[in-house]
Every structure is written in C-alpha cells, then in structure tokens.
Amino acid sequence: MPSKNTEFIRAARRQAVLSALVSGGWLVFTAVVLLLARWMWCPEGALSTVLLVLALVELCCLVPLALSLRSRLKEIQGGEEYEARQY
C-alpha cells in the first residue's frame, strides 16, 4: 500500500500537469483563433500585423508555462509541501 506521501505527490503532480495542459491548450487555441481571424478578415494591413504579433505572443507564453511546470514538479518531488501541510 502506498504511503500518504506517495499518494499526495502523485495527486499533486497530476493536478500540476493537468493545469499546465489546460493553460497551454487555451494559449494554443487563442493563437489559432487570432491567426484564423487574420487569415479570414484582414490578410493585409496593420490589423493583420497586430493579430500576428498577438498570436506569436500567445505561443511564446508556452515557454514560461513549461518552465514553471518543471519548477513546480521539482517542488512537489522534493516533498516540502507535504511536510509543511502536517503542521
């Protein structure tokens, strides 16, 4: 039978990954919507450039998201959070 510490770590990892996937999926979705709007309604001009820049910013936000997930998983694996909850 797994210990409570192992169960807590497993649940916390699952929640962190799920949260990152939902956030990342939302960023990709909004970038695709911006690119589709650019393609359908204004393929030229300043608005097109603005939509392209916004879509690229959305996609660039995936990098900090991945880095924060990596950091969070290290924190969870260290067990400090589980030990702090016992006080």
Protein backbone atom coordinates (compact mmCIF):
# COMPACT_ATOMS: atom_id res chain seq x y z
CA MET A 1 0.00 0.00 0.00
CA PRO A 2 1.47 3.38 -0.99
CA SER A 3 2.15 5.85 1.79
CA LYS A 4 0.20 9.08 2.15
CA ASN A 5 3.28 10.98 1.00
CA THR A 6 3.36 8.99 -2.26
CA GLU A 7 -0.37 9.48 -2.80
CA PHE A 8 -0.06 13.22 -2.17
CA ILE A 9 2.87 13.54 -4.58
CA ARG A 10 1.02 11.59 -7.26
CA ALA A 11 -2.12 13.72 -6.90
CA ALA A 12 -0.19 16.98 -6.82
CA ARG A 13 1.80 16.02 -9.94
CA ARG A 14 -1.40 15.07 -11.74
CA GLN A 15 -3.04 18.39 -10.83
CA ALA A 16 0.01 20.41 -11.89
CA VAL A 17 0.28 18.65 -15.26
CA LEU A 18 -3.46 18.92 -15.89
CA SER A 19 -3.40 22.62 -15.07
CA ALA A 20 -0.46 23.21 -17.41
CA LEU A 21 -2.14 21.25 -20.20
CA VAL A 22 -5.36 23.23 -19.87
CA SER A 23 -3.48 26.54 -19.80
CA GLY A 24 -1.28 25.52 -22.72
CA GLY A 25 -4.27 24.32 -24.68
CA TRP A 26 -6.01 27.62 -24.10
CA LEU A 27 -2.95 29.55 -25.29
CA VAL A 28 -2.73 27.47 -28.46
CA PHE A 29 -6.48 27.78 -29.06
CA THR A 30 -6.43 31.57 -28.77
CA ALA A 31 -3.38 31.79 -31.05
CA VAL A 32 -5.19 29.69 -33.67
CA VAL A 33 -8.30 31.88 -33.38
CA LEU A 34 -6.19 35.00 -33.87
CA LEU A 35 -4.47 33.51 -36.90
CA LEU A 36 -7.80 32.39 -38.39
CA ALA A 37 -9.24 35.87 -37.86
CA ARG A 38 -6.18 37.33 -39.55
CA TRP A 39 -6.49 34.93 -42.48
CA MET A 40 -10.26 35.33 -42.94
CA TRP A 41 -10.93 39.04 -42.37
CA CYS A 42 -7.79 41.05 -42.85
CA PRO A 43 -4.94 39.34 -44.70
CA GLU A 44 -3.16 42.68 -45.25
CA GLY A 45 -2.53 45.89 -43.35
CA ALA A 46 -1.77 46.99 -39.83
CA LEU A 47 -4.51 44.94 -38.19
CA SER A 48 -3.08 41.81 -39.79
CA THR A 49 0.30 42.58 -38.26
CA VAL A 50 -1.25 43.21 -34.85
CA LEU A 51 -3.11 39.89 -34.96
CA LEU A 52 0.06 38.08 -35.99
CA VAL A 53 2.05 39.65 -33.15
CA LEU A 54 -0.66 38.76 -30.63
CA ALA A 55 -0.73 35.15 -31.85
CA LEU A 56 3.06 34.93 -31.54
CA VAL A 57 2.92 36.37 -28.02
CA GLU A 58 0.37 33.73 -27.09
CA LEU A 59 2.63 30.99 -28.42
CA CYS A 60 5.70 32.46 -26.71
CA CYS A 61 3.84 32.22 -23.40
CA LEU A 62 4.14 28.44 -23.68
CA VAL A 63 7.84 28.63 -22.76
CA PRO A 64 7.35 30.22 -19.30
CA LEU A 65 4.44 27.86 -18.73
CA ALA A 66 6.69 24.84 -19.37
CA LEU A 67 9.43 26.27 -17.16
CA SER A 68 7.01 26.91 -14.31
CA LEU A 69 5.59 23.39 -14.65
CA ARG A 70 9.11 21.98 -14.45
CA SER A 71 9.81 24.05 -11.34
CA ARG A 72 6.51 23.01 -9.76
CA LEU A 73 7.19 19.33 -10.39
CA LYS A 74 10.60 19.67 -8.72
CA GLU A 75 8.95 21.29 -5.69
CA ILE A 76 6.41 18.50 -5.47
CA GLN A 77 9.04 15.80 -5.83
CA GLY A 78 11.11 17.40 -3.04
CA GLY A 79 8.24 16.82 -0.61
CA GLU A 80 8.48 20.16 1.15
CA GLU A 81 4.83 20.94 0.53
CA TYR A 82 3.68 17.63 2.00
CA GLU A 83 5.77 18.15 5.12
CA ALA A 84 4.52 21.72 5.52
CA ARG A 85 0.90 20.53 5.40
CA GLN A 86 1.43 18.42 8.52
CA TYR A 87 1.93 21.49 10.72
